[in-house]
Amino acid sequence: GELCATGSPGGVFHLDGGLVVAVESPGAPAPEALLLRSGRIGGEEWTALVRESGGARWPAAGLVAHGYTGAAQLRVVCAMALQDAAFAVVAGSVDGCERGPATGPSPASVPVGEPPTRLLQVASRKLAALLAMPCPVRPDRERPVPAPLSLAAARLGALQRELLAHADGRRTARDLAFRTGRGVYTVAVEVARMLGEGLLE
């Protein structure tokens, strides 16, 4: 079945046998967004795979068959998206929860699900760790801009360079996650670090 969490951003928890096998939230990139935005597969190739699979939202068999990714990597991407969407729901506001229809698991579900209590505990710990940082950020609130850079900027990592390129004062950590094809938690932590280092403000 499904558990629908209403709020901002809210989300849908897909359950199978009492375990969470997928979480979908507008507050975190779905597995297909992680694949597309990270450059692992292009938009045209994705469209062709969806067409080839008869319109499936998650053409997993085609992705593996055409060599775009391996089966193990797909499982990792789905697990990352599940964890990140749960974090996005917990980091936002939840107005209520209601049971949804038993429509079957999400197309991009993980083969072995997560116990709901453990999933929410991990998401809560991530949020607490993020908020305990010297310059904490919420995924959907602060909109950073690049600060005047020092000579140390030449030693920036790939994610830091991407965030500096896309931080324009209009995008939140959530927006930057979608833009870069990275997890919301990963981006929010990096934004907080960069604020503390004076790379963003």
C-alpha atoms as a PDB file:
ATOM      1  CA  GLY A   1       0.000   0.000   0.000  1.00  0.00           C
ATOM      2  CA  GLU A   2       0.903   3.654   0.276  1.00  0.00           C
ATOM      3  CA  LEU A   3       1.225   6.207   3.045  1.00  0.00           C
ATOM      4  CA  CYS A   4       0.677   9.750   1.802  1.00  0.00           C
ATOM      5  CA  ALA A   5       2.340  12.465   3.902  1.00  0.00           C
ATOM      6  CA  THR A   6       0.778  15.830   3.133  1.00  0.00           C
ATOM      7  CA  GLY A   7       2.734  18.995   3.758  1.00  0.00           C
ATOM      8  CA  SER A   8       5.691  20.831   2.321  1.00  0.00           C
ATOM      9  CA  PRO A   9       7.127  19.083   0.365  1.00  0.00           C
ATOM     10  CA  GLY A  10       5.266  15.941   1.498  1.00  0.00           C
ATOM     11  CA  GLY A  11       5.627  12.600  -0.181  1.00  0.00           C
ATOM     12  CA  VAL A  12       4.350   9.093  -0.736  1.00  0.00           C
ATOM     13  CA  PHE A  13       5.836   6.080   1.055  1.00  0.00           C
ATOM     14  CA  HIS A  14       5.339   2.839  -0.883  1.00  0.00           C
ATOM     15  CA  LEU A  15       5.169  -0.242   1.330  1.00  0.00           C
ATOM     16  CA  ASP A  16       5.421  -3.946   0.604  1.00  0.00           C
ATOM     17  CA  GLY A  17       5.247  -6.544   3.362  1.00  0.00           C
ATOM     18  CA  GLY A  18       5.514  -3.819   5.993  1.00  0.00           C
ATOM     19  CA  LEU A  19       8.756  -2.427   4.548  1.00  0.00           C
ATOM     20  CA  VAL A  20       9.267   0.860   2.687  1.00  0.00           C
ATOM     21  CA  VAL A  21      10.366  -0.026  -0.851  1.00  0.00           C
ATOM     22  CA  ALA A  22      10.223   3.486  -2.384  1.00  0.00           C
ATOM     23  CA  VAL A  23       9.561   7.081  -1.380  1.00  0.00           C
ATOM     24  CA  GLU A  24       8.480   9.752  -3.849  1.00  0.00           C
ATOM     25  CA  SER A  25       8.610  13.426  -2.928  1.00  0.00           C
ATOM     26  CA  PRO A  26       8.682  16.667  -4.898  1.00  0.00           C
ATOM     27  CA  GLY A  27      11.376  17.690  -2.411  1.00  0.00           C
ATOM     28  CA  ALA A  28      14.009  15.252  -3.693  1.00  0.00           C
ATOM     29  CA  PRO A  29      15.173  14.035  -7.110  1.00  0.00           C
ATOM     30  CA  ALA A  30      13.650  10.702  -8.159  1.00  0.00           C
ATOM     31  CA  PRO A  31      15.951   7.950  -9.480  1.00  0.00           C
ATOM     32  CA  GLU A  32      15.379   9.000 -13.095  1.00  0.00           C
ATOM     33  CA  ALA A  33      16.363  12.594 -12.259  1.00  0.00           C
ATOM     34  CA  LEU A  34      19.540  11.354 -10.568  1.00  0.00           C
ATOM     35  CA  LEU A  35      20.448   9.411 -13.709  1.00  0.00           C
ATOM     36  CA  LEU A  36      19.521  12.146 -16.194  1.00  0.00           C
ATOM     37  CA  ARG A  37      20.949  15.190 -14.395  1.00  0.00           C
ATOM     38  CA  SER A  38      24.189  13.439 -13.495  1.00  0.00           C
ATOM     39  CA  GLY A  39      24.844  12.749 -17.178  1.00  0.00           C
ATOM     40  CA  ARG A  40      24.770   8.956 -16.906  1.00  0.00           C
ATOM     41  CA  ILE A  41      22.155   8.930 -19.664  1.00  0.00           C
ATOM     42  CA  GLY A  42      20.904  11.632 -22.016  1.00  0.00           C
ATOM     43  CA  GLY A  43      17.343  12.824 -22.487  1.00  0.00           C
ATOM     44  CA  GLU A  44      17.008  11.387 -25.983  1.00  0.00           C
ATOM     45  CA  GLU A  45      18.248   7.975 -24.861  1.00  0.00           C
ATOM     46  CA  TRP A  46      15.846   8.028 -21.906  1.00  0.00           C
ATOM     47  CA  THR A  47      12.905   8.900 -24.153  1.00  0.00           C
ATOM     48  CA  ALA A  48      13.809   6.063 -26.512  1.00  0.00           C
ATOM     49  CA  LEU A  49      13.980   3.598 -23.607  1.00  0.00           C
ATOM     50  CA  VAL A  50      10.595   4.709 -22.260  1.00  0.00           C
ATOM     51  CA  ARG A  51       9.095   4.342 -25.736  1.00  0.00           C
ATOM     52  CA  GLU A  52      10.738   0.919 -26.177  1.00  0.00           C
ATOM     53  CA  SER A  53       9.353  -0.275 -22.822  1.00  0.00           C
ATOM     54  CA  GLY A  54       5.789   0.709 -23.710  1.00  0.00           C
ATOM     55  CA  GLY A  55       5.730   3.908 -21.655  1.00  0.00           C
ATOM     56  CA  ALA A  56       7.135   2.544 -18.389  1.00  0.00           C
ATOM     57  CA  ARG A  57       8.187   5.287 -15.968  1.00  0.00           C
ATOM     58  CA  TRP A  58      11.257   3.302 -14.946  1.00  0.00           C
ATOM     59  CA  PRO A  59      12.712   1.309 -17.884  1.00  0.00           C
ATOM     60  CA  ALA A  60      15.173  -0.630 -15.715  1.00  0.00           C
ATOM     61  CA  ALA A  61      15.528  -3.595 -18.076  1.00  0.00           C
ATOM     62  CA  GLY A  62      16.337  -1.298 -21.011  1.00  0.00           C
ATOM     63  CA  LEU A  63      18.872   0.700 -19.016  1.00  0.00           C
ATOM     64  CA  VAL A  64      20.793  -2.489 -18.245  1.00  0.00           C
ATOM     65  CA  ALA A  65      20.288  -4.153 -21.641  1.00  0.00           C
ATOM     66  CA  HIS A  66      21.614  -1.118 -23.532  1.00  0.00           C
ATOM     67  CA  GLY A  67      24.601  -0.772 -21.197  1.00  0.00           C
ATOM     68  CA  TYR A  68      23.714   2.626 -19.734  1.00  0.00           C
ATOM     69  CA  THR A  69      24.129   1.218 -16.240  1.00  0.00           C
ATOM     70  CA  GLY A  70      24.420  -2.047 -14.369  1.00  0.00           C
ATOM     71  CA  ALA A  71      21.732  -3.736 -12.291  1.00  0.00           C
ATOM     72  CA  ALA A  72      23.698  -3.155  -9.080  1.00  0.00           C
ATOM     73  CA  GLN A  73      24.118   0.544  -9.853  1.00  0.00           C
ATOM     74  CA  LEU A  74      20.374   0.867 -10.460  1.00  0.00           C
ATOM     75  CA  ARG A  75      19.676  -0.678  -7.050  1.00  0.00           C
ATOM     76  CA  VAL A  76      22.074   1.811  -5.453  1.00  0.00           C
ATOM     77  CA  VAL A  77      20.429   4.761  -7.237  1.00  0.00           C
ATOM     78  CA  CYS A  78      16.954   3.605  -6.115  1.00  0.00           C
ATOM     79  CA  ALA A  79      18.145   3.153  -2.522  1.00  0.00           C
ATOM     80  CA  MET A  80      19.756   6.620  -2.541  1.00  0.00           C
ATOM     81  CA  ALA A  81      16.565   8.190  -3.908  1.00  0.00           C
ATOM     82  CA  LEU A  82      14.452   6.407  -1.268  1.00  0.00           C
ATOM     83  CA  GLN A  83      16.668   7.619   1.603  1.00  0.00           C
ATOM     84  CA  ASP A  84      16.886  11.145   0.205  1.00  0.00           C
ATOM     85  CA  ALA A  85      13.131  11.487  -0.331  1.00  0.00           C
ATOM     86  CA  ALA A  86      12.494  10.316   3.238  1.00  0.00           C
ATOM     87  CA  PHE A  87      14.959  12.970   4.436  1.00  0.00           C
ATOM     88  CA  ALA A  88      13.185  15.644   2.357  1.00  0.00           C
ATOM     89  CA  VAL A  89       9.818  14.745   3.914  1.00  0.00           C
ATOM     90  CA  VAL A  90      11.251  14.838   7.458  1.00  0.00           C
ATOM     91  CA  ALA A  91      13.131  18.107   6.806  1.00  0.00           C
ATOM     92  CA  GLY A  92       9.936  19.791   5.648  1.00  0.00           C
ATOM     93  CA  SER A  93       6.612  20.098   7.425  1.00  0.00           C
ATOM     94  CA  VAL A  94       4.114  17.266   7.661  1.00  0.00           C
ATOM     95  CA  ASP A  95       0.485  18.341   8.016  1.00  0.00           C
ATOM     96  CA  GLY A  96      -0.982  14.855   8.105  1.00  0.00           C
ATOM     97  CA  CYS A  97      -0.722  11.267   6.919  1.00  0.00           C
ATOM     98  CA  GLU A  98      -3.301   9.024   5.343  1.00  0.00           C
ATOM     99  CA  ARG A  99      -3.355   5.596   3.857  1.00  0.00           C
ATOM    100  CA  GLY A 100      -3.368   5.538   0.089  1.00  0.00           C
ATOM    101  CA  PRO A 101      -4.614   2.878  -2.309  1.00  0.00           C
ATOM    102  CA  ALA A 102      -2.775  -0.434  -2.632  1.00  0.00           C
ATOM    103  CA  THR A 103      -1.596   0.242  -6.184  1.00  0.00           C
ATOM    104  CA  GLY A 104       1.522  -1.885  -5.936  1.00  0.00           C
ATOM    105  CA  PRO A 105       5.129  -0.797  -5.431  1.00  0.00           C
ATOM    106  CA  SER A 106       6.643   2.199  -7.145  1.00  0.00           C
ATOM    107  CA  PRO A 107       8.316   1.385 -10.472  1.00  0.00           C
ATOM    108  CA  ALA A 108      11.717   2.311  -9.025  1.00  0.00           C
ATOM    109  CA  SER A 109      11.406   0.330  -5.809  1.00  0.00           C
ATOM    110  CA  VAL A 110      14.270  -1.387  -4.019  1.00  0.00           C
ATOM    111  CA  PRO A 111      14.240  -5.188  -3.882  1.00  0.00           C
ATOM    112  CA  VAL A 112      14.670  -5.300  -0.087  1.00  0.00           C
ATOM    113  CA  GLY A 113      12.796  -2.550   1.705  1.00  0.00           C
ATOM    114  CA  GLU A 114      13.590  -0.540   4.802  1.00  0.00           C
ATOM    115  CA  PRO A 115      11.774  -0.876   8.155  1.00  0.00           C
ATOM    116  CA  PRO A 116       9.749   2.365   8.480  1.00  0.00           C
ATOM    117  CA  THR A 117      10.980   3.186  11.982  1.00  0.00           C
ATOM    118  CA  ARG A 118      14.641   2.830  11.036  1.00  0.00           C
ATOM    119  CA  LEU A 119      14.135   4.853   7.840  1.00  0.00           C
ATOM    120  CA  LEU A 120      12.591   7.756   9.763  1.00  0.00           C
ATOM    121  CA  GLN A 121      15.233   7.538  12.520  1.00  0.00           C
ATOM    122  CA  VAL A 122      18.024   7.809   9.936  1.00  0.00           C
ATOM    123  CA  ALA A 123      16.284  10.767   8.251  1.00  0.00           C
ATOM    124  CA  SER A 124      15.806  12.482  11.630  1.00  0.00           C
ATOM    125  CA  ARG A 125      19.478  11.945  12.541  1.00  0.00           C
ATOM    126  CA  LYS A 126      20.538  13.458   9.213  1.00  0.00           C
ATOM    127  CA  LEU A 127      18.355  16.504   9.833  1.00  0.00           C
ATOM    128  CA  ALA A 128      19.718  16.913  13.383  1.00  0.00           C
ATOM    129  CA  ALA A 129      23.303  16.666  12.084  1.00  0.00           C
ATOM    130  CA  LEU A 130      22.592  19.237   9.380  1.00  0.00           C
ATOM    131  CA  LEU A 131      21.010  21.679  11.824  1.00  0.00           C
ATOM    132  CA  ALA A 132      23.920  21.236  14.268  1.00  0.00           C
ATOM    133  CA  MET A 133      26.437  22.489  11.701  1.00  0.00           C
ATOM    134  CA  PRO A 134      27.967  25.950  12.300  1.00  0.00           C
ATOM    135  CA  CYS A 135      26.022  27.393   9.330  1.00  0.00           C
ATOM    136  CA  PRO A 136      22.895  25.199   9.120  1.00  0.00           C
ATOM    137  CA  VAL A 137      20.554  25.327   6.144  1.00  0.00           C
ATOM    138  CA  ARG A 138      17.131  23.912   5.425  1.00  0.00           C
ATOM    139  CA  PRO A 139      16.748  22.252   2.014  1.00  0.00           C
ATOM    140  CA  ASP A 140      13.910  24.571   0.961  1.00  0.00           C
ATOM    141  CA  ARG A 141      14.781  27.897   2.606  1.00  0.00           C
ATOM    142  CA  GLU A 142      18.187  29.532   2.183  1.00  0.00           C
ATOM    143  CA  ARG A 143      19.157  30.722  -1.311  1.00  0.00           C
ATOM    144  CA  PRO A 144      22.947  31.093  -1.395  1.00  0.00           C
ATOM    145  CA  VAL A 145      25.132  33.117  -3.725  1.00  0.00           C
ATOM    146  CA  PRO A 146      28.891  32.777  -4.327  1.00  0.00           C
ATOM    147  CA  ALA A 147      31.076  34.834  -2.021  1.00  0.00           C
ATOM    148  CA  PRO A 148      34.232  36.589  -3.206  1.00  0.00           C
ATOM    149  CA  LEU A 149      36.622  33.655  -3.560  1.00  0.00           C
ATOM    150  CA  SER A 150      40.111  33.353  -2.150  1.00  0.00           C
ATOM    151  CA  LEU A 151      43.069  31.599  -3.788  1.00  0.00           C
ATOM    152  CA  ALA A 152      41.887  28.398  -2.109  1.00  0.00           C
ATOM    153  CA  ALA A 153      39.076  28.267  -4.659  1.00  0.00           C
ATOM    154  CA  ALA A 154      41.454  26.560  -7.092  1.00  0.00           C
ATOM    155  CA  ARG A 155      41.352  23.470  -4.849  1.00  0.00           C
ATOM    156  CA  LEU A 156      37.579  23.070  -4.888  1.00  0.00           C
ATOM    157  CA  GLY A 157      36.019  19.662  -5.400  1.00  0.00           C
ATOM    158  CA  ALA A 158      33.680  18.867  -8.294  1.00  0.00           C
ATOM    159  CA  LEU A 159      30.493  19.298  -6.244  1.00  0.00           C
ATOM    160  CA  GLN A 160      31.677  22.605  -4.821  1.00  0.00           C
ATOM    161  CA  ARG A 161      32.445  23.926  -8.314  1.00  0.00           C
ATOM    162  CA  GLU A 162      28.988  22.831  -9.514  1.00  0.00           C
ATOM    163  CA  LEU A 163      27.265  24.508  -6.578  1.00  0.00           C
ATOM    164  CA  LEU A 164      29.172  27.744  -7.134  1.00  0.00           C
ATOM    165  CA  ALA A 165      28.179  27.652 -10.809  1.00  0.00           C
ATOM    166  CA  HIS A 166      24.473  27.243 -10.019  1.00  0.00           C
ATOM    167  CA  ALA A 167      24.063  29.213  -6.756  1.00  0.00           C
ATOM    168  CA  ASP A 168      22.438  32.415  -7.946  1.00  0.00           C
ATOM    169  CA  GLY A 169      20.403  33.663  -4.994  1.00  0.00           C
ATOM    170  CA  ARG A 170      17.214  32.112  -6.381  1.00  0.00           C
ATOM    171  CA  ARG A 171      17.969  28.417  -5.835  1.00  0.00           C
ATOM    172  CA  THR A 172      17.659  26.553  -2.534  1.00  0.00           C
ATOM    173  CA  ALA A 173      19.676  23.441  -1.646  1.00  0.00           C
ATOM    174  CA  ARG A 174      16.728  21.410  -2.969  1.00  0.00           C
ATOM    175  CA  ASP A 175      16.836  23.291  -6.297  1.00  0.00           C
ATOM    176  CA  LEU A 176      20.601  22.808  -6.490  1.00  0.00           C
ATOM    177  CA  ALA A 177      20.156  19.060  -5.890  1.00  0.00           C
ATOM    178  CA  PHE A 178      17.777  18.789  -8.844  1.00  0.00           C
ATOM    179  CA  ARG A 179      20.065  20.943 -10.969  1.00  0.00           C
ATOM    180  CA  THR A 180      23.185  18.876 -10.254  1.00  0.00           C
ATOM    181  CA  GLY A 181      21.604  15.413 -10.059  1.00  0.00           C
ATOM    182  CA  ARG A 182      22.713  14.935  -6.452  1.00  0.00           C
ATOM    183  CA  GLY A 183      20.901  14.030  -3.263  1.00  0.00           C
ATOM    184  CA  VAL A 184      19.217  16.820  -1.292  1.00  0.00           C
ATOM    185  CA  TYR A 185      20.970  15.845   1.937  1.00  0.00           C
ATOM    186  CA  THR A 186      24.390  15.748   0.264  1.00  0.00           C
ATOM    187  CA  VAL A 187      23.850  19.170  -1.308  1.00  0.00           C
ATOM    188  CA  ALA A 188      22.440  20.736   1.870  1.00  0.00           C
ATOM    189  CA  VAL A 189      25.455  19.537   3.888  1.00  0.00           C
ATOM    190  CA  GLU A 190      27.865  20.862   1.258  1.00  0.00           C
ATOM    191  CA  VAL A 191      26.072  24.223   1.105  1.00  0.00           C
ATOM    192  CA  ALA A 192      26.323  24.477   4.906  1.00  0.00           C
ATOM    193  CA  ARG A 193      30.056  23.665   4.759  1.00  0.00           C
ATOM    194  CA  MET A 194      30.636  26.187   1.988  1.00  0.00           C
ATOM    195  CA  LEU A 195      28.795  28.855   3.977  1.00  0.00           C
ATOM    196  CA  GLY A 196      31.071  28.118   6.923  1.00  0.00           C
ATOM    197  CA  GLU A 197      34.166  28.316   4.689  1.00  0.00           C
ATOM    198  CA  GLY A 198      33.083  31.631   3.195  1.00  0.00           C
ATOM    199  CA  LEU A 199      32.609  30.224  -0.312  1.00  0.00           C
ATOM    200  CA  LEU A 200      28.861  30.948  -0.259  1.00  0.00           C
ATOM    201  CA  GLU A 201      26.807  33.536   1.549  1.00  0.00           C
END
